[in-house]
Amino acid sequence: MMRYAPESRNVYEDFVVETDILFFKTGTHGLVSFHGRNYNIKKRMSAEQLRSLLSGKKFYNVGGNCYVNVDKATDVEQGVVYFGEKAPSAKVLRIPRWKQEPLKRLMAGNKLPVT
């Protein structure tokens, strides 16, 4: 009997923005830079695709052209957003301090109550 490993997806080609991306930055001419746990991907998006992405409640604008995935942020402290553990190897993003309280409120609203 032969067993096959489940088909793994190539995160560089088949990523899902809402679940795989920690934050992204928009640029000129529709170029968007997506930042995941251990990768960065640049991709062109149409204005309609970008509008659709930003119309949901998953991403919060933390300044200018940078948007944080609220579901992936784990903590905000002293102007730094943490994604995962607070370890030296963790991916972090600096944000203006005046943006951290609204982001904290959004993050608290996404947490499910423990029963």
PDB file of N, CA and C in Angstrom:
ATOM      1  N   MET A   1       0.840  -1.171   0.000  1.00  0.00           N
ATOM      2  CA  MET A   1       0.000   0.000   0.000  1.00  0.00           C
ATOM      3  C   MET A   1       0.892   1.244   0.000  1.00  0.00           C
ATOM      4  N   MET A   2       0.661   2.121  -0.933  1.00  0.00           N
ATOM      5  CA  MET A   2       1.458   3.341  -1.043  1.00  0.00           C
ATOM      6  C   MET A   2       0.720   4.493  -0.388  1.00  0.00           C
ATOM      7  N   ARG A   3       1.459   5.269   0.337  1.00  0.00           N
ATOM      8  CA  ARG A   3       0.887   6.464   0.965  1.00  0.00           C
ATOM      9  C   ARG A   3       1.505   7.693   0.319  1.00  0.00           C
ATOM     10  N   TYR A   4       0.666   8.654   0.118  1.00  0.00           N
ATOM     11  CA  TYR A   4       1.123   9.901  -0.472  1.00  0.00           C
ATOM     12  C   TYR A   4       1.014  11.005   0.562  1.00  0.00           C
ATOM     13  N   ALA A   5       2.000  11.841   0.595  1.00  0.00           N
ATOM     14  CA  ALA A   5       1.945  12.997   1.489  1.00  0.00           C
ATOM     15  C   ALA A   5       0.884  13.954   0.962  1.00  0.00           C
ATOM     16  N   PRO A   6       0.185  14.622   1.859  1.00  0.00           N
ATOM     17  CA  PRO A   6      -0.800  15.596   1.380  1.00  0.00           C
ATOM     18  C   PRO A   6      -0.103  16.658   0.546  1.00  0.00           C
ATOM     19  N   GLU A   7      -0.800  17.106  -0.449  1.00  0.00           N
ATOM     20  CA  GLU A   7      -0.233  18.086  -1.352  1.00  0.00           C
ATOM     21  C   GLU A   7      -0.016  19.396  -0.608  1.00  0.00           C
ATOM     22  N   SER A   8       1.216  19.847  -0.539  1.00  0.00           N
ATOM     23  CA  SER A   8       1.479  21.111   0.129  1.00  0.00           C
ATOM     24  C   SER A   8       1.386  22.223  -0.905  1.00  0.00           C
ATOM     25  N   ARG A   9       0.922  23.348  -0.456  1.00  0.00           N
ATOM     26  CA  ARG A   9       0.774  24.458  -1.401  1.00  0.00           C
ATOM     27  C   ARG A   9       2.006  25.344  -1.349  1.00  0.00           C
ATOM     28  N   ASN A  10       2.312  25.944  -2.440  1.00  0.00           N
ATOM     29  CA  ASN A  10       3.446  26.851  -2.537  1.00  0.00           C
ATOM     30  C   ASN A  10       2.988  28.223  -2.065  1.00  0.00           C
ATOM     31  N   VAL A  11       3.439  28.616  -0.879  1.00  0.00           N
ATOM     32  CA  VAL A  11       2.971  29.863  -0.278  1.00  0.00           C
ATOM     33  C   VAL A  11       3.370  31.080  -1.111  1.00  0.00           C
ATOM     34  N   TYR A  12       4.408  30.968  -1.917  1.00  0.00           N
ATOM     35  CA  TYR A  12       4.827  32.090  -2.747  1.00  0.00           C
ATOM     36  C   TYR A  12       3.892  32.326  -3.928  1.00  0.00           C
ATOM     37  N   GLU A  13       3.192  31.310  -4.358  1.00  0.00           N
ATOM     38  CA  GLU A  13       2.291  31.463  -5.492  1.00  0.00           C
ATOM     39  C   GLU A  13       0.828  31.410  -5.086  1.00  0.00           C
ATOM     40  N   ASP A  14       0.508  30.618  -4.075  1.00  0.00           N
ATOM     41  CA  ASP A  14      -0.885  30.378  -3.710  1.00  0.00           C
ATOM     42  C   ASP A  14      -1.204  30.845  -2.297  1.00  0.00           C
ATOM     43  N   PHE A  15      -0.772  32.022  -1.919  1.00  0.00           N
ATOM     44  CA  PHE A  15      -1.067  32.473  -0.567  1.00  0.00           C
ATOM     45  C   PHE A  15      -2.463  33.081  -0.491  1.00  0.00           C
ATOM     46  N   VAL A  16      -3.070  32.983   0.685  1.00  0.00           N
ATOM     47  CA  VAL A  16      -4.372  33.570   0.948  1.00  0.00           C
ATOM     48  C   VAL A  16      -4.122  34.783   1.834  1.00  0.00           C
ATOM     49  N   VAL A  17      -4.445  35.940   1.341  1.00  0.00           N
ATOM     50  CA  VAL A  17      -4.094  37.176   2.031  1.00  0.00           C
ATOM     51  C   VAL A  17      -4.658  37.205   3.449  1.00  0.00           C
ATOM     52  N   GLU A  18      -5.918  36.857   3.623  1.00  0.00           N
ATOM     53  CA  GLU A  18      -6.570  36.965   4.923  1.00  0.00           C
ATOM     54  C   GLU A  18      -5.987  36.023   5.973  1.00  0.00           C
ATOM     55  N   THR A  19      -5.431  34.890   5.571  1.00  0.00           N
ATOM     56  CA  THR A  19      -4.947  33.922   6.554  1.00  0.00           C
ATOM     57  C   THR A  19      -3.426  33.792   6.595  1.00  0.00           C
ATOM     58  N   ASP A  20      -2.730  34.110   5.532  1.00  0.00           N
ATOM     59  CA  ASP A  20      -1.282  33.909   5.467  1.00  0.00           C
ATOM     60  C   ASP A  20      -0.464  35.177   5.724  1.00  0.00           C
ATOM     61  N   ILE A  21      -1.043  36.331   5.493  1.00  0.00           N
ATOM     62  CA  ILE A  21      -0.288  37.581   5.512  1.00  0.00           C
ATOM     63  C   ILE A  21      -0.409  38.277   6.866  1.00  0.00           C
ATOM     64  N   LEU A  22       0.724  38.748   7.406  1.00  0.00           N
ATOM     65  CA  LEU A  22       0.742  39.474   8.675  1.00  0.00           C
ATOM     66  C   LEU A  22       0.418  40.950   8.458  1.00  0.00           C
ATOM     67  N   PHE A  23       1.042  41.538   7.443  1.00  0.00           N
ATOM     68  CA  PHE A  23       0.749  42.923   7.088  1.00  0.00           C
ATOM     69  C   PHE A  23       1.161  43.142   5.646  1.00  0.00           C
ATOM     70  N   PHE A  24       0.671  44.228   5.053  1.00  0.00           N
ATOM     71  CA  PHE A  24       1.089  44.563   3.692  1.00  0.00           C
ATOM     72  C   PHE A  24       1.205  46.063   3.542  1.00  0.00           C
ATOM     73  N   LYS A  25       1.979  46.448   2.527  1.00  0.00           N
ATOM     74  CA  LYS A  25       2.190  47.857   2.205  1.00  0.00           C
ATOM     75  C   LYS A  25       1.867  48.063   0.743  1.00  0.00           C
ATOM     76  N   THR A  26       1.123  49.113   0.458  1.00  0.00           N
ATOM     77  CA  THR A  26       0.779  49.416  -0.927  1.00  0.00           C
ATOM     78  C   THR A  26       1.805  50.385  -1.485  1.00  0.00           C
ATOM     79  N   GLY A  27       2.042  50.257  -2.778  1.00  0.00           N
ATOM     80  CA  GLY A  27       3.001  51.120  -3.453  1.00  0.00           C
ATOM     81  C   GLY A  27       2.375  51.748  -4.676  1.00  0.00           C
ATOM     82  N   THR A  28       3.210  52.254  -5.538  1.00  0.00           N
ATOM     83  CA  THR A  28       2.726  52.900  -6.751  1.00  0.00           C
ATOM     84  C   THR A  28       2.424  51.873  -7.834  1.00  0.00           C
ATOM     85  N   HIS A  29       1.574  52.225  -8.731  1.00  0.00           N
ATOM     86  CA  HIS A  29       1.210  51.413  -9.886  1.00  0.00           C
ATOM     87  C   HIS A  29       0.643  50.043  -9.495  1.00  0.00           C
ATOM     88  N   GLY A  30      -0.062  49.977  -8.361  1.00  0.00           N
ATOM     89  CA  GLY A  30      -0.709  48.732  -7.956  1.00  0.00           C
ATOM     90  C   GLY A  30       0.214  47.685  -7.359  1.00  0.00           C
ATOM     91  N   LEU A  31       1.450  48.037  -7.053  1.00  0.00           N
ATOM     92  CA  LEU A  31       2.382  47.083  -6.462  1.00  0.00           C
ATOM     93  C   LEU A  31       2.131  47.007  -4.956  1.00  0.00           C
ATOM     94  N   VAL A  32       1.904  45.794  -4.450  1.00  0.00           N
ATOM     95  CA  VAL A  32       1.633  45.569  -3.038  1.00  0.00           C
ATOM     96  C   VAL A  32       2.693  44.610  -2.505  1.00  0.00           C
ATOM     97  N   SER A  33       3.274  44.961  -1.366  1.00  0.00           N
ATOM     98  CA  SER A  33       4.286  44.134  -0.730  1.00  0.00           C
ATOM     99  C   SER A  33       3.647  43.415   0.461  1.00  0.00           C
ATOM    100  N   PHE A  34       3.505  42.096   0.348  1.00  0.00           N
ATOM    101  CA  PHE A  34       2.895  41.277   1.390  1.00  0.00           C
ATOM    102  C   PHE A  34       3.994  40.690   2.273  1.00  0.00           C
ATOM    103  N   HIS A  35       3.773  40.732   3.585  1.00  0.00           N
ATOM    104  CA  HIS A  35       4.758  40.230   4.540  1.00  0.00           C
ATOM    105  C   HIS A  35       4.135  39.103   5.352  1.00  0.00           C
ATOM    106  N   GLY A  36       4.726  37.913   5.222  1.00  0.00           N
ATOM    107  CA  GLY A  36       4.275  36.746   5.974  1.00  0.00           C
ATOM    108  C   GLY A  36       5.239  36.452   7.100  1.00  0.00           C
ATOM    109  N   ARG A  37       5.081  35.310   7.727  1.00  0.00           N
ATOM    110  CA  ARG A  37       5.912  34.956   8.882  1.00  0.00           C
ATOM    111  C   ARG A  37       7.404  34.962   8.527  1.00  0.00           C
ATOM    112  N   ASN A  38       7.785  34.374   7.406  1.00  0.00           N
ATOM    113  CA  ASN A  38       9.212  34.338   7.045  1.00  0.00           C
ATOM    114  C   ASN A  38       9.425  34.601   5.553  1.00  0.00           C
ATOM    115  N   TYR A  39       8.574  35.418   4.983  1.00  0.00           N
ATOM    116  CA  TYR A  39       8.733  35.746   3.567  1.00  0.00           C
ATOM    117  C   TYR A  39       8.091  37.095   3.265  1.00  0.00           C
ATOM    118  N   ASN A  40       8.504  37.702   2.176  1.00  0.00           N
ATOM    119  CA  ASN A  40       7.927  38.923   1.636  1.00  0.00           C
ATOM    120  C   ASN A  40       7.662  38.679   0.161  1.00  0.00           C
ATOM    121  N   ILE A  41       6.475  39.056  -0.293  1.00  0.00           N
ATOM    122  CA  ILE A  41       6.089  38.827  -1.677  1.00  0.00           C
ATOM    123  C   ILE A  41       5.538  40.119  -2.254  1.00  0.00           C
ATOM    124  N   LYS A  42       6.012  40.493  -3.422  1.00  0.00           N
ATOM    125  CA  LYS A  42       5.468  41.660  -4.114  1.00  0.00           C
ATOM    126  C   LYS A  42       4.570  41.174  -5.236  1.00  0.00           C
ATOM    127  N   LYS A  43       3.417  41.812  -5.337  1.00  0.00           N
ATOM    128  CA  LYS A  43       2.432  41.389  -6.335  1.00  0.00           C
ATOM    129  C   LYS A  43       1.664  42.620  -6.807  1.00  0.00           C
ATOM    130  N   ARG A  44       1.338  42.625  -8.088  1.00  0.00           N
ATOM    131  CA  ARG A  44       0.513  43.707  -8.628  1.00  0.00           C
ATOM    132  C   ARG A  44      -0.959  43.363  -8.405  1.00  0.00           C
ATOM    133  N   MET A  45      -1.719  44.372  -7.987  1.00  0.00           N
ATOM    134  CA  MET A  45      -3.155  44.202  -7.784  1.00  0.00           C
ATOM    135  C   MET A  45      -3.872  45.353  -8.462  1.00  0.00           C
ATOM    136  N   SER A  46      -5.047  45.058  -8.976  1.00  0.00           N
ATOM    137  CA  SER A  46      -5.856  46.119  -9.577  1.00  0.00           C
ATOM    138  C   SER A  46      -6.473  46.956  -8.462  1.00  0.00           C
ATOM    139  N   ALA A  47      -6.953  48.125  -8.818  1.00  0.00           N
ATOM    140  CA  ALA A  47      -7.589  48.999  -7.826  1.00  0.00           C
ATOM    141  C   ALA A  47      -8.809  48.309  -7.223  1.00  0.00           C
ATOM    142  N   GLU A  48      -9.532  47.564  -8.032  1.00  0.00           N
ATOM    143  CA  GLU A  48     -10.711  46.839  -7.544  1.00  0.00           C
ATOM    144  C   GLU A  48     -10.322  45.741  -6.557  1.00  0.00           C
ATOM    145  N   GLN A  49      -9.272  44.997  -6.840  1.00  0.00           N
ATOM    146  CA  GLN A  49      -8.811  43.951  -5.924  1.00  0.00           C
ATOM    147  C   GLN A  49      -8.375  44.555  -4.586  1.00  0.00           C
ATOM    148  N   LEU A  50      -7.673  45.657  -4.642  1.00  0.00           N
ATOM    149  CA  LEU A  50      -7.216  46.318  -3.428  1.00  0.00           C
ATOM    150  C   LEU A  50      -8.398  46.864  -2.628  1.00  0.00           C
ATOM    151  N   ARG A  51      -9.354  47.456  -3.307  1.00  0.00           N
ATOM    152  CA  ARG A  51     -10.564  47.959  -2.643  1.00  0.00           C
ATOM    153  C   ARG A  51     -11.313  46.829  -1.956  1.00  0.00           C
ATOM    154  N   SER A  52     -11.403  45.705  -2.633  1.00  0.00           N
ATOM    155  CA  SER A  52     -12.070  44.536  -2.060  1.00  0.00           C
ATOM    156  C   SER A  52     -11.344  44.045  -0.813  1.00  0.00           C
ATOM    157  N   LEU A  53     -10.045  44.034  -0.852  1.00  0.00           N
ATOM    158  CA  LEU A  53      -9.235  43.589   0.280  1.00  0.00           C
ATOM    159  C   LEU A  53      -9.420  44.513   1.477  1.00  0.00           C
ATOM    160  N   LEU A  54      -9.483  45.797   1.234  1.00  0.00           N
ATOM    161  CA  LEU A  54      -9.589  46.771   2.316  1.00  0.00           C
ATOM    162  C   LEU A  54     -11.013  46.986   2.805  1.00  0.00           C
ATOM    163  N   SER A  55     -11.995  46.477   2.084  1.00  0.00           N
ATOM    164  CA  SER A  55     -13.390  46.674   2.486  1.00  0.00           C
ATOM    165  C   SER A  55     -13.774  45.827   3.695  1.00  0.00           C
ATOM    166  N   GLY A  56     -13.055  44.742   3.947  1.00  0.00           N
ATOM    167  CA  GLY A  56     -13.334  43.894   5.096  1.00  0.00           C
ATOM    168  C   GLY A  56     -12.778  44.480   6.378  1.00  0.00           C
ATOM    169  N   LYS A  57     -12.990  43.790   7.468  1.00  0.00           N
ATOM    170  CA  LYS A  57     -12.537  44.250   8.778  1.00  0.00           C
ATOM    171  C   LYS A  57     -11.233  43.587   9.212  1.00  0.00           C
ATOM    172  N   LYS A  58     -10.594  42.824   8.344  1.00  0.00           N
ATOM    173  CA  LYS A  58      -9.380  42.082   8.709  1.00  0.00           C
ATOM    174  C   LYS A  58      -8.154  42.972   8.816  1.00  0.00           C
ATOM    175  N   PHE A  59      -8.086  44.022   8.033  1.00  0.00           N
ATOM    176  CA  PHE A  59      -6.884  44.854   7.973  1.00  0.00           C
ATOM    177  C   PHE A  59      -7.150  46.253   8.513  1.00  0.00           C
ATOM    178  N   TYR A  60      -6.187  46.746   9.302  1.00  0.00           N
ATOM    179  CA  TYR A  60      -6.292  48.068   9.907  1.00  0.00           C
ATOM    180  C   TYR A  60      -5.113  48.913   9.435  1.00  0.00           C
ATOM    181  N   ASN A  61      -5.417  50.117   8.978  1.00  0.00           N
ATOM    182  CA  ASN A  61      -4.387  51.026   8.493  1.00  0.00           C
ATOM    183  C   ASN A  61      -3.627  51.592   9.686  1.00  0.00           C
ATOM    184  N   VAL A  62      -2.334  51.309   9.739  1.00  0.00           N
ATOM    185  CA  VAL A  62      -1.505  51.787  10.847  1.00  0.00           C
ATOM    186  C   VAL A  62      -0.629  52.961  10.442  1.00  0.00           C
ATOM    187  N   GLY A  63      -0.892  53.492   9.285  1.00  0.00           N
ATOM    188  CA  GLY A  63      -0.147  54.666   8.858  1.00  0.00           C
ATOM    189  C   GLY A  63       0.158  54.635   7.375  1.00  0.00           C
ATOM    190  N   GLY A  64      -0.216  55.696   6.705  1.00  0.00           N
ATOM    191  CA  GLY A  64       0.103  55.829   5.282  1.00  0.00           C
ATOM    192  C   GLY A  64      -0.405  54.672   4.445  1.00  0.00           C
ATOM    193  N   ASN A  65       0.512  53.856   3.990  1.00  0.00           N
ATOM    194  CA  ASN A  65       0.175  52.778   3.070  1.00  0.00           C
ATOM    195  C   ASN A  65       0.368  51.394   3.693  1.00  0.00           C
ATOM    196  N   CYS A  66       0.368  51.297   5.020  1.00  0.00           N
ATOM    197  CA  CYS A  66       0.638  50.033   5.701  1.00  0.00           C
ATOM    198  C   CYS A  66      -0.610  49.543   6.429  1.00  0.00           C
ATOM    199  N   TYR A  67      -0.937  48.272   6.242  1.00  0.00           N
ATOM    200  CA  TYR A  67      -2.135  47.666   6.820  1.00  0.00           C
ATOM    201  C   TYR A  67      -1.767  46.386   7.561  1.00  0.00           C
ATOM    202  N   VAL A  68      -2.247  46.261   8.814  1.00  0.00           N
ATOM    203  CA  VAL A  68      -1.946  45.118   9.667  1.00  0.00           C
ATOM    204  C   VAL A  68      -3.134  44.168   9.675  1.00  0.00           C
ATOM    205  N   ASN A  69      -2.868  42.870   9.592  1.00  0.00           N
ATOM    206  CA  ASN A  69      -3.898  41.845   9.733  1.00  0.00           C
ATOM    207  C   ASN A  69      -4.224  41.735  11.222  1.00  0.00           C
ATOM    208  N   VAL A  70      -5.383  42.198  11.621  1.00  0.00           N
ATOM    209  CA  VAL A  70      -5.775  42.254  13.027  1.00  0.00           C
ATOM    210  C   VAL A  70      -5.794  40.859  13.643  1.00  0.00           C
ATOM    211  N   ASP A  71      -6.171  39.852  12.880  1.00  0.00           N
ATOM    212  CA  ASP A  71      -6.231  38.483  13.398  1.00  0.00           C
ATOM    213  C   ASP A  71      -4.847  37.901  13.688  1.00  0.00           C
ATOM    214  N   LYS A  72      -3.819  38.383  13.018  1.00  0.00           N
ATOM    215  CA  LYS A  72      -2.471  37.834  13.178  1.00  0.00           C
ATOM    216  C   LYS A  72      -1.630  38.572  14.210  1.00  0.00           C
ATOM    217  N   ALA A  73      -2.019  39.793  14.554  1.00  0.00           N
ATOM    218  CA  ALA A  73      -1.273  40.565  15.549  1.00  0.00           C
ATOM    219  C   ALA A  73      -1.566  39.978  16.927  1.00  0.00           C
ATOM    220  N   THR A  74      -0.522  39.755  17.714  1.00  0.00           N
ATOM    221  CA  THR A  74      -0.702  39.161  19.034  1.00  0.00           C
ATOM    222  C   THR A  74      -0.568  40.165  20.166  1.00  0.00           C
ATOM    223  N   ASP A  75       0.198  41.237  19.961  1.00  0.00           N
ATOM    224  CA  ASP A  75       0.364  42.225  21.014  1.00  0.00           C
ATOM    225  C   ASP A  75       0.852  43.532  20.403  1.00  0.00           C
ATOM    226  N   VAL A  76       0.536  44.631  21.077  1.00  0.00           N
ATOM    227  CA  VAL A  76       1.009  45.949  20.664  1.00  0.00           C
ATOM    228  C   VAL A  76       1.579  46.607  21.910  1.00  0.00           C
ATOM    229  N   GLU A  77       2.822  47.037  21.811  1.00  0.00           N
ATOM    230  CA  GLU A  77       3.492  47.583  22.991  1.00  0.00           C
ATOM    231  C   GLU A  77       4.557  48.584  22.565  1.00  0.00           C
ATOM    232  N   GLN A  78       4.504  49.773  23.116  1.00  0.00           N
ATOM    233  CA  GLN A  78       5.500  50.819  22.875  1.00  0.00           C
ATOM    234  C   GLN A  78       5.746  51.066  21.384  1.00  0.00           C
ATOM    235  N   GLY A  79       4.674  51.134  20.621  1.00  0.00           N
ATOM    236  CA  GLY A  79       4.791  51.442  19.205  1.00  0.00           C
ATOM    237  C   GLY A  79       5.263  50.294  18.335  1.00  0.00           C
ATOM    238  N   VAL A  80       5.171  49.075  18.844  1.00  0.00           N
ATOM    239  CA  VAL A  80       5.596  47.898  18.076  1.00  0.00           C
ATOM    240  C   VAL A  80       4.454  46.872  18.067  1.00  0.00           C
ATOM    241  N   VAL A  81       4.126  46.354  16.878  1.00  0.00           N
ATOM    242  CA  VAL A  81       3.141  45.280  16.742  1.00  0.00           C
ATOM    243  C   VAL A  81       3.909  43.967  16.670  1.00  0.00           C
ATOM    244  N   TYR A  82       3.502  43.006  17.499  1.00  0.00           N
ATOM    245  CA  TYR A  82       4.128  41.692  17.514  1.00  0.00           C
ATOM    246  C   TYR A  82       3.217  40.692  16.808  1.00  0.00           C
ATOM    247  N   PHE A  83       3.831  39.814  16.053  1.00  0.00           N
ATOM    248  CA  PHE A  83       3.122  38.729  15.372  1.00  0.00           C
ATOM    249  C   PHE A  83       3.698  37.430  15.930  1.00  0.00           C
ATOM    250  N   GLY A  84       3.000  36.796  16.840  1.00  0.00           N
ATOM    251  CA  GLY A  84       3.517  35.594  17.478  1.00  0.00           C
ATOM    252  C   GLY A  84       4.183  35.953  18.791  1.00  0.00           C
ATOM    253  N   GLU A  85       5.123  35.137  19.205  1.00  0.00           N
ATOM    254  CA  GLU A  85       5.815  35.338  20.472  1.00  0.00           C
ATOM    255  C   GLU A  85       6.705  36.578  20.430  1.00  0.00           C
ATOM    256  N   LYS A  86       6.982  37.105  21.609  1.00  0.00           N
ATOM    257  CA  LYS A  86       7.908  38.244  21.709  1.00  0.00           C
ATOM    258  C   LYS A  86       9.327  37.707  21.817  1.00  0.00           C
ATOM    259  N   ALA A  87       9.818  37.181  20.746  1.00  0.00           N
ATOM    260  CA  ALA A  87      11.163  36.620  20.694  1.00  0.00           C
ATOM    261  C   ALA A  87      11.993  37.450  19.713  1.00  0.00           C
ATOM    262  N   PRO A  88      13.298  37.384  19.831  1.00  0.00           N
ATOM    263  CA  PRO A  88      14.153  38.139  18.900  1.00  0.00           C
ATOM    264  C   PRO A  88      13.920  37.767  17.433  1.00  0.00           C
ATOM    265  N   SER A  89      13.508  36.540  17.192  1.00  0.00           N
ATOM    266  CA  SER A  89      13.298  36.104  15.813  1.00  0.00           C
ATOM    267  C   SER A  89      11.889  36.415  15.300  1.00  0.00           C
ATOM    268  N   ALA A  90      11.019  36.947  16.152  1.00  0.00           N
ATOM    269  CA  ALA A  90       9.632  37.223  15.753  1.00  0.00           C
ATOM    270  C   ALA A  90       9.575  38.398  14.786  1.00  0.00           C
ATOM    271  N   LYS A  91       8.583  38.365  13.935  1.00  0.00           N
ATOM    272  CA  LYS A  91       8.381  39.460  12.994  1.00  0.00           C
ATOM    273  C   LYS A  91       7.636  40.569  13.734  1.00  0.00           C
ATOM    274  N   VAL A  92       8.116  41.780  13.620  1.00  0.00           N
ATOM    275  CA  VAL A  92       7.505  42.927  14.278  1.00  0.00           C
ATOM    276  C   VAL A  92       7.362  44.065  13.271  1.00  0.00           C
ATOM    277  N   LEU A  93       6.518  45.017  13.637  1.00  0.00           N
ATOM    278  CA  LEU A  93       6.294  46.181  12.782  1.00  0.00           C
ATOM    279  C   LEU A  93       6.163  47.401  13.676  1.00  0.00           C
ATOM    280  N   ARG A  94       6.921  48.424  13.402  1.00  0.00           N
ATOM    281  CA  ARG A  94       6.804  49.669  14.168  1.00  0.00           C
ATOM    282  C   ARG A  94       5.631  50.472  13.619  1.00  0.00           C
ATOM    283  N   ILE A  95       4.835  51.011  14.549  1.00  0.00           N
ATOM    284  CA  ILE A  95       3.695  51.836  14.151  1.00  0.00           C
ATOM    285  C   ILE A  95       3.693  53.088  15.016  1.00  0.00           C
ATOM    286  N   PRO A  96       3.005  54.141  14.574  1.00  0.00           N
ATOM    287  CA  PRO A  96       2.903  55.341  15.414  1.00  0.00           C
ATOM    288  C   PRO A  96       2.153  55.012  16.707  1.00  0.00           C
ATOM    289  N   ARG A  97       2.577  55.610  17.796  1.00  0.00           N
ATOM    290  CA  ARG A  97       1.955  55.303  19.093  1.00  0.00           C
ATOM    291  C   ARG A  97       0.477  55.664  19.127  1.00  0.00           C
ATOM    292  N   TRP A  98       0.059  56.688  18.388  1.00  0.00           N
ATOM    293  CA  TRP A  98      -1.343  57.075  18.408  1.00  0.00           C
ATOM    294  C   TRP A  98      -2.229  56.064  17.685  1.00  0.00           C
ATOM    295  N   LYS A  99      -1.634  55.156  16.937  1.00  0.00           N
ATOM    296  CA  LYS A  99      -2.395  54.099  16.251  1.00  0.00           C
ATOM    297  C   LYS A  99      -2.483  52.820  17.080  1.00  0.00           C
ATOM    298  N   GLN A 100      -1.702  52.706  18.158  1.00  0.00           N
ATOM    299  CA  GLN A 100      -1.666  51.432  18.870  1.00  0.00           C
ATOM    300  C   GLN A 100      -2.921  51.177  19.712  1.00  0.00           C
ATOM    301  N   GLU A 101      -3.530  52.178  20.312  1.00  0.00           N
ATOM    302  CA  GLU A 101      -4.733  51.943  21.125  1.00  0.00           C
ATOM    303  C   GLU A 101      -5.921  51.478  20.275  1.00  0.00           C
ATOM    304  N   PRO A 102      -6.195  52.127  19.131  1.00  0.00           N
ATOM    305  CA  PRO A 102      -7.288  51.611  18.290  1.00  0.00           C
ATOM    306  C   PRO A 102      -7.025  50.174  17.805  1.00  0.00           C
ATOM    307  N   LEU A 103      -5.767  49.853  17.507  1.00  0.00           N
ATOM    308  CA  LEU A 103      -5.431  48.492  17.079  1.00  0.00           C
ATOM    309  C   LEU A 103      -5.650  47.507  18.225  1.00  0.00           C
ATOM    310  N   LYS A 104      -5.269  47.888  19.445  1.00  0.00           N
ATOM    311  CA  LYS A 104      -5.498  47.023  20.604  1.00  0.00           C
ATOM    312  C   LYS A 104      -6.986  46.743  20.794  1.00  0.00           C
ATOM    313  N   ARG A 105      -7.817  47.769  20.616  1.00  0.00           N
ATOM    314  CA  ARG A 105      -9.274  47.586  20.761  1.00  0.00           C
ATOM    315  C   ARG A 105      -9.803  46.621  19.696  1.00  0.00           C
ATOM    316  N   LEU A 106      -9.315  46.763  18.469  1.00  0.00           N
ATOM    317  CA  LEU A 106      -9.730  45.844  17.405  1.00  0.00           C
ATOM    318  C   LEU A 106      -9.298  44.416  17.716  1.00  0.00           C
ATOM    319  N   MET A 107      -8.088  44.268  18.220  1.00  0.00           N
ATOM    320  CA  MET A 107      -7.571  42.942  18.556  1.00  0.00           C
ATOM    321  C   MET A 107      -8.392  42.329  19.690  1.00  0.00           C
ATOM    322  N   ALA A 108      -8.775  43.119  20.671  1.00  0.00           N
ATOM    323  CA  ALA A 108      -9.587  42.614  21.793  1.00  0.00           C
ATOM    324  C   ALA A 108     -10.976  42.214  21.312  1.00  0.00           C
ATOM    325  N   GLY A 109     -11.504  42.924  20.321  1.00  0.00           N
ATOM    326  CA  GLY A 109     -12.811  42.594  19.772  1.00  0.00           C
ATOM    327  C   GLY A 109     -12.797  41.296  18.987  1.00  0.00           C
ATOM    328  N   ASN A 110     -11.639  40.877  18.478  1.00  0.00           N
ATOM    329  CA  ASN A 110     -11.532  39.652  17.692  1.00  0.00           C
ATOM    330  C   ASN A 110     -11.301  38.426  18.548  1.00  0.00           C
ATOM    331  N   LYS A 111     -10.963  38.613  19.821  1.00  0.00           N
ATOM    332  CA  LYS A 111     -10.715  37.466  20.697  1.00  0.00           C
ATOM    333  C   LYS A 111     -12.043  36.830  21.095  1.00  0.00           C
ATOM    334  N   LEU A 112     -12.106  35.524  21.035  1.00  0.00           N
ATOM    335  CA  LEU A 112     -13.308  34.800  21.442  1.00  0.00           C
ATOM    336  C   LEU A 112     -13.291  34.612  22.937  1.00  0.00           C
ATOM    337  N   PRO A 113     -14.447  34.764  23.605  1.00  0.00           N
ATOM    338  CA  PRO A 113     -14.472  34.534  25.046  1.00  0.00           C
ATOM    339  C   PRO A 113     -14.215  33.072  25.366  1.00  0.00           C
ATOM    340  N   VAL A 114     -13.468  32.837  26.448  1.00  0.00           N
ATOM    341  CA  VAL A 114     -13.150  31.471  26.885  1.00  0.00           C
ATOM    342  C   VAL A 114     -14.323  30.937  27.689  1.00  0.00           C
ATOM    343  N   THR A 115     -14.798  29.739  27.313  1.00  0.00           N
ATOM    344  CA  THR A 115     -15.924  29.150  28.050  1.00  0.00           C
ATOM    345  C   THR A 115     -15.526  27.876  28.717  1.00  0.00           C
TER     346      THR A 115
END
